[in-house]
Amino acid sequence: MRETMEQENIPVESQPANAPHEAPAPPAPTGSPRPSGSRALAIWIICIVVILLALGITVGIRSRIAADNKLEKTADATSIPSVRVTYPKSGDKVQTIDLPGNVQPYLDTPIYARTSGYIKQWYVDIGARVHAGQLMAEIETPELDQQLQQAQADLKTAQANLNIAEITSKRWQNLLAKNAVSKQETDQAISDMAARQSAVSASEANVRRLQQMQDFEKVVAPFDGVVTARNIDVGSLIEAGANTTTKELFHLGSIHTLRVYVAVPEAYVSTVSDGANVALTETDRPGEAFKGRVVRNSSAIDPISRTLNVEVDVNNANGHLLPGAYVFVHLDLPGSPHSVTLPSNAILFRAEGLRAAVVRQNHVVLVPITIGRDYGSSVEVTSGLTPQDAVVLDPPDSIAQGEEVQIMEPGKQGGE
């Protein structure tokens, strides 16, 4: 057997002679040799890497598919236009329309001089409150004073001529009774007396005229009011007359009661009646309201503006409201409980008439509507809509019947 093992190049360990005899180990299988430990570890690592790569590719493909699906859904969602909607408000029993008004003094007049001269003194300035008959200024009129003296002298001359004419007339009438003079001479004496009487009357009228002109040297207030302008100073030349350019001395306005003129549109003329109470507000005093009363109107529609001029009187005893101010007059109009109000920017003007775009089951329905009163930022809709209808705000001109839309969330509708 040793020989055989040596022939097969199998090492044979020396054994002691007295060692027990053991069965020989089975021969190793022929083929590739068994791999070492480091090589097996490398193989395991490679397998793990391959598995991880396969898992990563699978996850990437799935995420790409999910992203594509999400993008497709987003594209589908964005392809549907989003709209802002509003809901019509139920009609109130009373509607209010705000109209601009022009405030004017109840009495307003410029004060001119009726006589020529120079300003001697003025006593009131702008903002002064004056009473009727109060002295406001004095005018020096030296020429007028001389004219008055001359007229008075002419009157005395005329009166003297009248006296002698009366004496002469009586004498001639007595002589005529005795047939001492002719009828012609007596009539001439009587006629001369009448002429002298007319001359005296003319002189007296001239004196009264000049005296009245002299009274105009004192400029007085014609009514209670406030001086809103003073255009003179001491020494200013004042010229009165039709052929001269008149100069306004003062401007006086009565502001205890004010007139407010408001142009009411023709559509609301039937709702305005004399004696109605109205409220007024001023932009500079947002927290204060003034009470007024409709006193009269022009009873005629302006053909240009298609409005009715209405006068509202306001008690201004506290003086808070100033002439020339810009105010808003709030007129109460009777409303219809069956109507609704809709913002003006929700109306569509189409060739077939007025329409409102109502969203029903995410589709647009163009509803015909009928307009009542126009309140400016909103209008009254008398038919076609209910408070439950979702009406599109600022609808585009291209919006069509049956178009699919989606309603924006309330928080994203710009405060709607």
Protein backbone atom coordinates (compact mmCIF):
# COMPACT_ATOMS: atom_id res chain seq x y z
CA MET A 1 0.00 0.00 0.00
CA ARG A 2 2.82 2.38 0.66
CA GLU A 3 4.00 1.89 -2.73
CA THR A 4 0.68 2.60 -4.07
CA MET A 5 0.44 5.84 -2.07
CA GLU A 6 3.80 6.98 -3.15
CA GLN A 7 2.83 6.39 -6.69
CA GLU A 8 -0.16 8.63 -6.22
CA ASN A 9 1.99 11.32 -4.59
CA ILE A 10 0.00 11.13 -1.41
CA PRO A 11 2.18 11.96 1.55
CA VAL A 12 2.42 9.26 4.08
CA GLU A 13 3.16 10.17 7.63
CA SER A 14 5.53 7.96 9.46
CA GLN A 15 3.85 6.00 12.08
CA PRO A 16 5.32 4.10 14.88
CA ALA A 17 5.58 0.42 14.34
CA ASN A 18 3.52 -0.38 17.27
CA ALA A 19 0.78 2.24 16.38
CA PRO A 20 -2.67 0.91 15.86
CA HIS A 21 -3.72 0.55 12.30
CA GLU A 22 -6.30 3.23 11.18
CA ALA A 23 -8.41 3.24 8.12
CA PRO A 24 -7.09 5.55 5.45
CA ALA A 25 -8.90 8.90 4.80
CA PRO A 26 -11.11 8.96 1.76
CA PRO A 27 -9.58 10.60 -1.24
CA ALA A 28 -10.47 14.27 -1.97
CA PRO A 29 -12.92 14.73 -4.78
CA THR A 30 -11.43 15.67 -8.02
CA GLY A 31 -12.38 19.09 -9.59
CA SER A 32 -11.94 22.82 -8.64
CA PRO A 33 -10.30 23.42 -5.34
CA ARG A 34 -12.44 24.80 -2.36
CA PRO A 35 -12.43 28.62 -2.20
CA SER A 36 -10.75 30.34 0.64
CA GLY A 37 -12.66 32.55 3.30
CA SER A 38 -11.76 35.99 1.81
CA ARG A 39 -12.97 34.98 -1.61
CA ALA A 40 -16.36 33.87 -0.24
CA LEU A 41 -16.74 37.18 1.61
CA ALA A 42 -16.14 39.08 -1.62
CA ILE A 43 -18.77 37.03 -3.34
CA TRP A 44 -21.28 37.79 -0.59
CA ILE A 45 -20.54 41.52 -0.82
CA ILE A 46 -21.04 41.50 -4.57
CA CYS A 47 -24.37 39.75 -4.16
CA ILE A 48 -25.52 42.29 -1.56
CA VAL A 49 -24.51 45.21 -3.81
CA VAL A 50 -26.38 43.71 -6.73
CA ILE A 51 -29.47 43.26 -4.56
CA LEU A 52 -29.26 46.84 -3.28
CA LEU A 53 -28.87 48.18 -6.82
CA ALA A 54 -31.89 46.20 -7.89
CA LEU A 55 -33.90 47.55 -4.97
CA GLY A 56 -32.77 51.15 -5.71
CA ILE A 57 -33.73 50.85 -9.36
CA THR A 58 -37.12 49.46 -8.37
CA VAL A 59 -37.76 52.28 -5.86
CA GLY A 60 -36.64 54.92 -8.40
CA ILE A 61 -38.95 53.54 -11.02
CA ARG A 62 -41.84 53.52 -8.59
CA SER A 63 -41.16 57.12 -7.42
CA ARG A 64 -40.85 58.26 -11.03
CA ILE A 65 -44.19 56.64 -11.84
CA ALA A 66 -45.78 58.28 -8.75
CA ALA A 67 -44.34 61.68 -9.72
CA ASP A 68 -45.66 61.28 -13.23
CA ASN A 69 -49.09 60.40 -11.89
CA LYS A 70 -49.03 63.39 -9.52
CA LEU A 71 -47.93 65.70 -12.33
CA GLU A 72 -50.69 64.38 -14.52
CA LYS A 73 -53.26 64.99 -11.77
CA THR A 74 -51.89 68.50 -11.17
CA ALA A 75 -52.05 69.26 -14.87
CA ASP A 76 -55.61 68.03 -15.00
CA ALA A 77 -56.51 70.14 -11.96
CA THR A 78 -54.86 73.31 -13.29
CA SER A 79 -56.51 72.93 -16.64
CA ILE A 80 -59.84 73.67 -14.91
CA PRO A 81 -60.11 77.43 -14.28
CA SER A 82 -60.64 78.63 -10.71
CA VAL A 83 -63.22 81.32 -10.09
CA ARG A 84 -64.19 83.58 -7.21
CA VAL A 85 -67.85 83.58 -6.32
CA THR A 86 -70.26 85.68 -4.31
CA TYR A 87 -73.76 85.08 -3.11
CA PRO A 88 -76.52 87.65 -3.77
CA LYS A 89 -77.86 89.46 -0.75
CA SER A 90 -81.54 89.43 -0.01
CA GLY A 91 -83.35 92.66 -0.81
CA ASP A 92 -83.92 94.95 2.17
CA LYS A 93 -87.10 96.84 2.86
CA VAL A 94 -85.16 100.12 2.52
CA GLN A 95 -82.23 100.74 0.23
CA THR A 96 -79.87 103.70 0.58
CA ILE A 97 -78.21 105.54 -2.25
CA ASP A 98 -75.26 107.87 -1.64
CA LEU A 99 -75.11 110.97 -3.82
CA PRO A 100 -72.56 113.82 -3.73
CA GLY A 101 -73.84 117.21 -2.62
CA ASN A 102 -72.61 120.79 -2.81
CA VAL A 103 -72.93 122.83 0.40
CA GLN A 104 -73.85 126.50 0.06
CA PRO A 105 -74.86 129.20 2.55
CA TYR A 106 -78.55 129.75 2.96
CA LEU A 107 -77.97 133.43 2.06
CA ASP A 108 -74.87 134.40 0.13
CA THR A 109 -74.17 137.82 -1.31
CA PRO A 110 -71.31 140.12 -2.32
CA ILE A 111 -71.42 143.64 -0.87
CA TYR A 112 -70.64 146.54 -3.23
CA ALA A 113 -70.45 150.29 -2.70
CA ARG A 114 -73.30 152.49 -3.94
CA THR A 115 -71.20 155.65 -3.83
CA SER A 116 -67.72 156.56 -5.03
CA GLY A 117 -64.94 157.61 -2.69
CA TYR A 118 -62.14 156.27 -0.51
CA ILE A 119 -62.29 153.74 2.30
CA LYS A 120 -62.08 155.67 5.54
CA GLN A 121 -62.18 152.67 7.88
CA TRP A 122 -63.23 149.02 7.90
CA TYR A 123 -64.45 147.28 11.04
CA VAL A 124 -64.85 143.57 10.25
CA ASP A 125 -62.53 141.00 8.74
CA ILE A 126 -62.93 137.45 7.39
CA GLY A 127 -64.52 135.03 9.81
CA ALA A 128 -66.30 137.79 11.73
CA ARG A 129 -69.93 137.12 12.61
CA VAL A 130 -72.06 140.19 11.96
CA HIS A 131 -75.69 141.09 12.57
CA ALA A 132 -78.13 142.81 10.24
CA GLY A 133 -77.48 146.58 10.19
CA GLN A 134 -74.02 146.31 11.74
CA LEU A 135 -71.49 148.85 10.43
CA MET A 136 -68.82 147.15 8.35
CA ALA A 137 -66.93 150.06 6.72
CA GLU A 138 -67.07 153.81 6.06
CA ILE A 139 -66.39 155.61 2.77
CA GLU A 140 -65.22 159.20 2.40
CA THR A 141 -67.11 161.02 -0.39
CA PRO A 142 -65.95 164.68 -0.60
CA GLU A 143 -67.40 165.17 -4.10
CA LEU A 144 -70.77 163.83 -3.03
CA ASP A 145 -70.81 166.14 -0.04
CA GLN A 146 -70.24 169.13 -2.31
CA GLN A 147 -72.95 167.99 -4.68
CA LEU A 148 -75.38 167.75 -1.80
CA GLN A 149 -74.58 171.28 -0.66
CA GLN A 150 -75.09 172.55 -4.18
CA ALA A 151 -78.42 170.73 -4.50
CA GLN A 152 -79.61 172.21 -1.21
CA ALA A 153 -78.70 175.72 -2.43
CA ASP A 154 -80.56 175.08 -5.71
CA LEU A 155 -83.57 173.98 -3.68
CA LYS A 156 -83.59 177.23 -1.74
CA THR A 157 -83.41 179.19 -4.98
CA ALA A 158 -86.31 177.25 -6.42
CA GLN A 159 -88.35 177.78 -3.30
CA ALA A 160 -87.69 181.55 -3.44
CA ASN A 161 -88.77 181.66 -7.10
CA LEU A 162 -91.87 179.69 -6.16
CA ASN A 163 -92.79 182.17 -3.44
CA ILE A 164 -92.60 185.17 -5.79
CA ALA A 165 -94.51 183.24 -8.44
CA GLU A 166 -97.31 182.47 -5.98
CA ILE A 167 -97.54 186.15 -4.94
CA THR A 168 -97.61 187.29 -8.56
CA SER A 169 -100.27 184.74 -9.45
CA LYS A 170 -102.54 185.91 -6.64
CA ARG A 171 -102.11 189.53 -7.63
CA TRP A 172 -102.99 188.87 -11.26
CA GLN A 173 -106.04 186.87 -10.24
CA ASN A 174 -107.28 189.77 -8.05
CA LEU A 175 -106.69 192.26 -10.87
CA LEU A 176 -108.52 189.98 -13.31
CA ALA A 177 -111.56 190.03 -11.02
CA LYS A 178 -111.61 193.83 -11.40
CA ASN A 179 -110.98 193.56 -15.17
CA ALA A 180 -107.73 195.46 -14.67
CA VAL A 181 -105.62 192.93 -16.55
CA SER A 182 -106.25 190.56 -19.39
CA LYS A 183 -107.06 186.88 -19.07
CA GLN A 184 -103.88 186.03 -21.01
CA GLU A 185 -101.60 187.75 -18.55
CA THR A 186 -103.33 186.09 -15.60
CA ASP A 187 -102.98 182.62 -17.14
CA GLN A 188 -99.31 183.28 -17.81
CA ALA A 189 -98.74 184.17 -14.12
CA ILE A 190 -100.54 181.01 -12.97
CA SER A 191 -98.49 178.88 -15.39
CA ASP A 192 -95.26 180.42 -14.14
CA MET A 193 -96.21 179.53 -10.57
CA ALA A 194 -96.82 175.88 -11.58
CA ALA A 195 -93.43 175.77 -13.30
CA ARG A 196 -91.77 177.13 -10.19
CA GLN A 197 -93.56 174.47 -8.14
CA SER A 198 -92.19 171.74 -10.44
CA ALA A 199 -88.69 173.16 -10.11
CA VAL A 200 -88.95 173.02 -6.34
CA SER A 201 -90.13 169.38 -6.51
CA ALA A 202 -87.19 168.50 -8.77
CA SER A 203 -84.72 170.18 -6.42
CA GLU A 204 -86.19 168.39 -3.45
CA ALA A 205 -85.89 165.00 -5.26
CA ASN A 206 -82.26 165.75 -6.13
CA VAL A 207 -81.49 166.61 -2.51
CA ARG A 208 -83.12 163.38 -1.30
CA ARG A 209 -81.15 161.37 -3.88
CA LEU A 210 -77.86 162.85 -2.76
CA GLN A 211 -78.77 162.36 0.87
CA GLN A 212 -79.44 158.70 0.20
CA MET A 213 -76.15 158.44 -1.64
CA GLN A 214 -74.52 160.02 1.37
CA ASP A 215 -76.13 157.39 3.58
CA PHE A 216 -74.29 154.76 1.50
CA GLU A 217 -71.04 156.09 2.92
CA LYS A 218 -71.72 153.66 5.75
CA VAL A 219 -71.55 150.03 4.60
CA VAL A 220 -73.77 147.85 6.80
CA ALA A 221 -74.54 144.12 6.89
CA PRO A 222 -77.80 143.22 5.11
CA PHE A 223 -78.39 140.10 7.27
CA ASP A 224 -76.85 137.99 10.01
CA GLY A 225 -73.92 136.01 8.71
CA VAL A 226 -70.19 135.44 8.49
CA VAL A 227 -67.75 137.55 6.49
CA THR A 228 -66.10 135.16 4.04
CA ALA A 229 -64.06 137.75 2.10
CA ARG A 230 -62.67 141.29 2.54
CA ASN A 231 -61.23 142.94 -0.56
CA ILE A 232 -60.58 146.49 0.69
CA ASP A 233 -58.21 148.37 2.92
CA VAL A 234 -57.94 151.90 4.26
CA GLY A 235 -57.49 154.37 1.40
CA SER A 236 -58.77 152.03 -1.31
CA LEU A 237 -60.47 153.87 -4.18
CA ILE A 238 -64.09 152.87 -4.62
CA GLU A 239 -65.88 153.64 -7.87
CA ALA A 240 -69.60 153.03 -8.15
CA GLY A 241 -71.59 153.24 -11.34
CA ALA A 242 -72.79 151.26 -14.33
CA ASN A 243 -69.87 152.30 -16.54
CA THR A 244 -67.14 151.28 -14.10
CA THR A 245 -65.72 147.97 -12.96
CA THR A 246 -67.34 147.42 -9.61
CA LYS A 247 -65.20 146.15 -6.77
CA GLU A 248 -66.56 143.76 -4.20
CA LEU A 249 -66.01 145.15 -0.72
CA PHE A 250 -67.07 142.14 1.34
CA HIS A 251 -68.64 138.74 0.83
CA LEU A 252 -71.22 137.69 3.38
CA GLY A 253 -72.80 134.31 3.93
CA SER A 254 -75.47 133.06 6.32
CA ILE A 255 -74.33 129.66 7.64
CA HIS A 256 -76.75 129.09 10.49
CA THR A 257 -78.75 127.10 7.96
CA LEU A 258 -77.11 125.64 4.86
CA ARG A 259 -78.45 124.61 1.50
CA VAL A 260 -77.18 121.36 -0.03
CA TYR A 261 -77.87 120.83 -3.71
CA VAL A 262 -77.79 117.24 -4.93
CA ALA A 263 -78.37 115.86 -8.43
CA VAL A 264 -80.71 112.88 -8.17
CA PRO A 265 -80.62 110.48 -11.17
CA GLU A 266 -83.78 110.24 -13.18
CA ALA A 267 -84.34 106.61 -12.10
CA TYR A 268 -84.84 107.71 -8.48
CA VAL A 269 -86.89 110.87 -9.05
CA SER A 270 -90.17 109.20 -8.14
CA THR A 271 -88.82 108.21 -4.72
CA VAL A 272 -87.80 111.76 -3.72
CA SER A 273 -90.49 113.80 -1.97
CA ASP A 274 -90.44 117.21 -0.31
CA GLY A 275 -90.28 117.05 3.47
CA ALA A 276 -88.34 113.77 3.59
CA ASN A 277 -85.57 113.53 6.17
CA VAL A 278 -82.09 112.60 4.93
CA ALA A 279 -78.67 112.04 6.50
CA LEU A 280 -75.46 113.69 5.35
CA THR A 281 -71.84 112.76 6.01
CA GLU A 282 -68.55 114.48 5.27
CA THR A 283 -65.33 112.65 4.45
CA ASP A 284 -63.36 114.83 6.90
CA ARG A 285 -65.78 113.89 9.71
CA PRO A 286 -66.50 110.18 9.20
CA GLY A 287 -67.98 109.71 12.67
CA GLU A 288 -70.40 112.63 12.50
CA ALA A 289 -73.74 112.64 10.70
CA PHE A 290 -75.79 115.71 9.85
CA LYS A 291 -79.56 115.76 9.56
CA GLY A 292 -81.27 117.48 6.65
CA ARG A 293 -84.68 117.82 5.08
CA VAL A 294 -85.71 117.91 1.44
CA VAL A 295 -87.42 121.27 0.98
CA ARG A 296 -87.83 121.68 -2.77
CA ASN A 297 -86.69 120.50 -6.18
CA SER A 298 -86.44 122.03 -9.61
CA SER A 299 -89.44 120.02 -10.94
CA ALA A 300 -87.54 119.53 -14.19
CA ILE A 301 -85.04 116.96 -15.46
CA ASP A 302 -81.76 118.36 -16.75
CA PRO A 303 -81.63 117.18 -20.39
CA ILE A 304 -77.83 116.96 -20.30
CA SER A 305 -77.16 115.14 -17.03
CA ARG A 306 -80.60 113.48 -16.78
CA THR A 307 -80.83 114.44 -13.12
CA LEU A 308 -83.20 116.35 -10.86
CA ASN A 309 -81.77 119.21 -8.81
CA VAL A 310 -82.92 118.75 -5.20
CA GLU A 311 -82.36 121.18 -2.32
CA VAL A 312 -81.75 119.87 1.19
CA ASP A 313 -81.68 122.30 4.12
CA VAL A 314 -79.36 121.47 7.02
CA ASN A 315 -79.41 123.02 10.48
CA ASN A 316 -75.84 124.16 11.14
CA ALA A 317 -76.20 125.89 14.49
CA ASN A 318 -72.93 124.37 15.74
CA GLY A 319 -71.06 125.58 12.66
CA HIS A 320 -69.34 122.24 12.03
CA LEU A 321 -70.38 122.10 8.39
CA LEU A 322 -68.72 124.76 6.22
CA PRO A 323 -69.99 126.25 2.95
CA GLY A 324 -68.31 124.78 -0.10
CA ALA A 325 -67.78 121.41 1.59
CA TYR A 326 -68.18 118.15 -0.32
CA VAL A 327 -70.72 115.88 1.39
CA PHE A 328 -72.62 112.70 0.65
CA VAL A 329 -76.40 112.74 0.89
CA HIS A 330 -77.88 109.38 1.89
CA LEU A 331 -81.32 108.99 0.35
CA ASP A 332 -83.50 106.12 1.58
CA LEU A 333 -85.26 104.32 -1.23
CA PRO A 334 -88.01 101.74 -0.74
CA GLY A 335 -86.66 98.29 -1.58
CA SER A 336 -88.33 95.09 -2.78
CA PRO A 337 -88.22 92.03 -0.49
CA HIS A 338 -88.27 89.75 -3.55
CA SER A 339 -85.15 91.23 -5.10
CA VAL A 340 -81.46 90.66 -4.40
CA THR A 341 -78.41 92.88 -4.67
CA LEU A 342 -75.36 91.83 -6.64
CA PRO A 343 -71.93 93.45 -7.10
CA SER A 344 -71.65 95.34 -10.36
CA ASN A 345 -68.53 93.39 -11.35
CA ALA A 346 -70.53 90.14 -11.49
CA ILE A 347 -72.69 91.12 -14.46
CA LEU A 348 -72.08 89.93 -18.00
CA PHE A 349 -73.14 92.13 -20.89
CA ARG A 350 -74.02 89.87 -23.79
CA ALA A 351 -75.76 90.50 -27.09
CA GLU A 352 -78.77 88.57 -25.91
CA GLY A 353 -79.02 90.64 -22.71
CA LEU A 354 -77.70 90.78 -19.16
CA ARG A 355 -76.40 87.50 -17.76
CA ALA A 356 -74.95 86.21 -14.48
CA ALA A 357 -72.51 83.27 -14.47
CA VAL A 358 -73.80 80.87 -11.80
CA VAL A 359 -71.75 77.83 -10.74
CA ARG A 360 -73.88 74.70 -10.43
CA GLN A 361 -72.22 71.29 -9.92
CA ASN A 362 -68.87 72.80 -10.97
CA HIS A 363 -70.27 73.97 -14.30
CA VAL A 364 -71.18 77.45 -15.46
CA VAL A 365 -74.81 78.33 -16.14
CA LEU A 366 -75.46 81.74 -17.78
CA VAL A 367 -78.66 82.92 -16.11
CA PRO A 368 -80.68 85.83 -17.62
CA ILE A 369 -81.26 88.57 -15.05
CA THR A 370 -83.32 91.76 -14.79
CA ILE A 371 -81.78 94.88 -13.26
CA GLY A 372 -83.70 97.26 -11.01
CA ARG A 373 -81.92 100.14 -9.29
CA ASP A 374 -78.25 100.92 -9.68
CA TYR A 375 -76.52 101.61 -6.35
CA GLY A 376 -73.08 102.26 -7.85
CA SER A 377 -70.92 99.40 -6.60
CA SER A 378 -73.93 97.08 -6.58
CA VAL A 379 -77.19 96.69 -8.47
CA GLU A 380 -80.64 95.41 -7.66
CA VAL A 381 -81.59 92.19 -9.44
CA THR A 382 -85.35 91.79 -9.59
CA SER A 383 -85.45 88.37 -11.28
CA GLY A 384 -83.21 85.46 -12.19
CA LEU A 385 -81.18 84.94 -8.99
CA THR A 386 -81.67 83.68 -5.45
CA PRO A 387 -79.49 84.15 -2.37
CA GLN A 388 -78.30 80.53 -2.74
CA ASP A 389 -76.75 81.04 -6.20
CA ALA A 390 -72.93 81.12 -6.41
CA VAL A 391 -72.28 83.92 -8.90
CA VAL A 392 -68.84 84.30 -10.50
CA LEU A 393 -67.06 87.56 -9.69
CA ASP A 394 -65.20 89.34 -12.51
CA PRO A 395 -66.19 86.71 -15.10
CA PRO A 396 -64.06 86.76 -18.26
CA ASP A 397 -65.73 87.59 -21.54
CA SER A 398 -64.79 84.13 -22.82
CA ILE A 399 -66.75 82.26 -20.16
CA ALA A 400 -69.25 79.92 -21.79
CA GLN A 401 -72.34 77.94 -20.92
CA GLY A 402 -71.48 74.53 -19.39
CA GLU A 403 -67.79 75.34 -18.89
CA GLU A 404 -66.21 73.32 -16.07
CA VAL A 405 -64.79 75.46 -13.25
CA GLN A 406 -63.70 75.07 -9.67
CA ILE A 407 -64.55 77.45 -6.86
CA MET A 408 -61.65 78.98 -5.01
CA GLU A 409 -61.40 78.46 -1.30
CA PRO A 410 -63.03 81.26 0.74
CA GLY A 411 -59.68 82.31 2.21
CA LYS A 412 -58.20 82.78 -1.27
CA GLN A 413 -60.97 84.88 -2.76
CA GLY A 414 -59.55 88.25 -1.86
CA GLY A 415 -61.75 88.82 1.14
CA GLU A 416 -64.98 87.62 -0.47
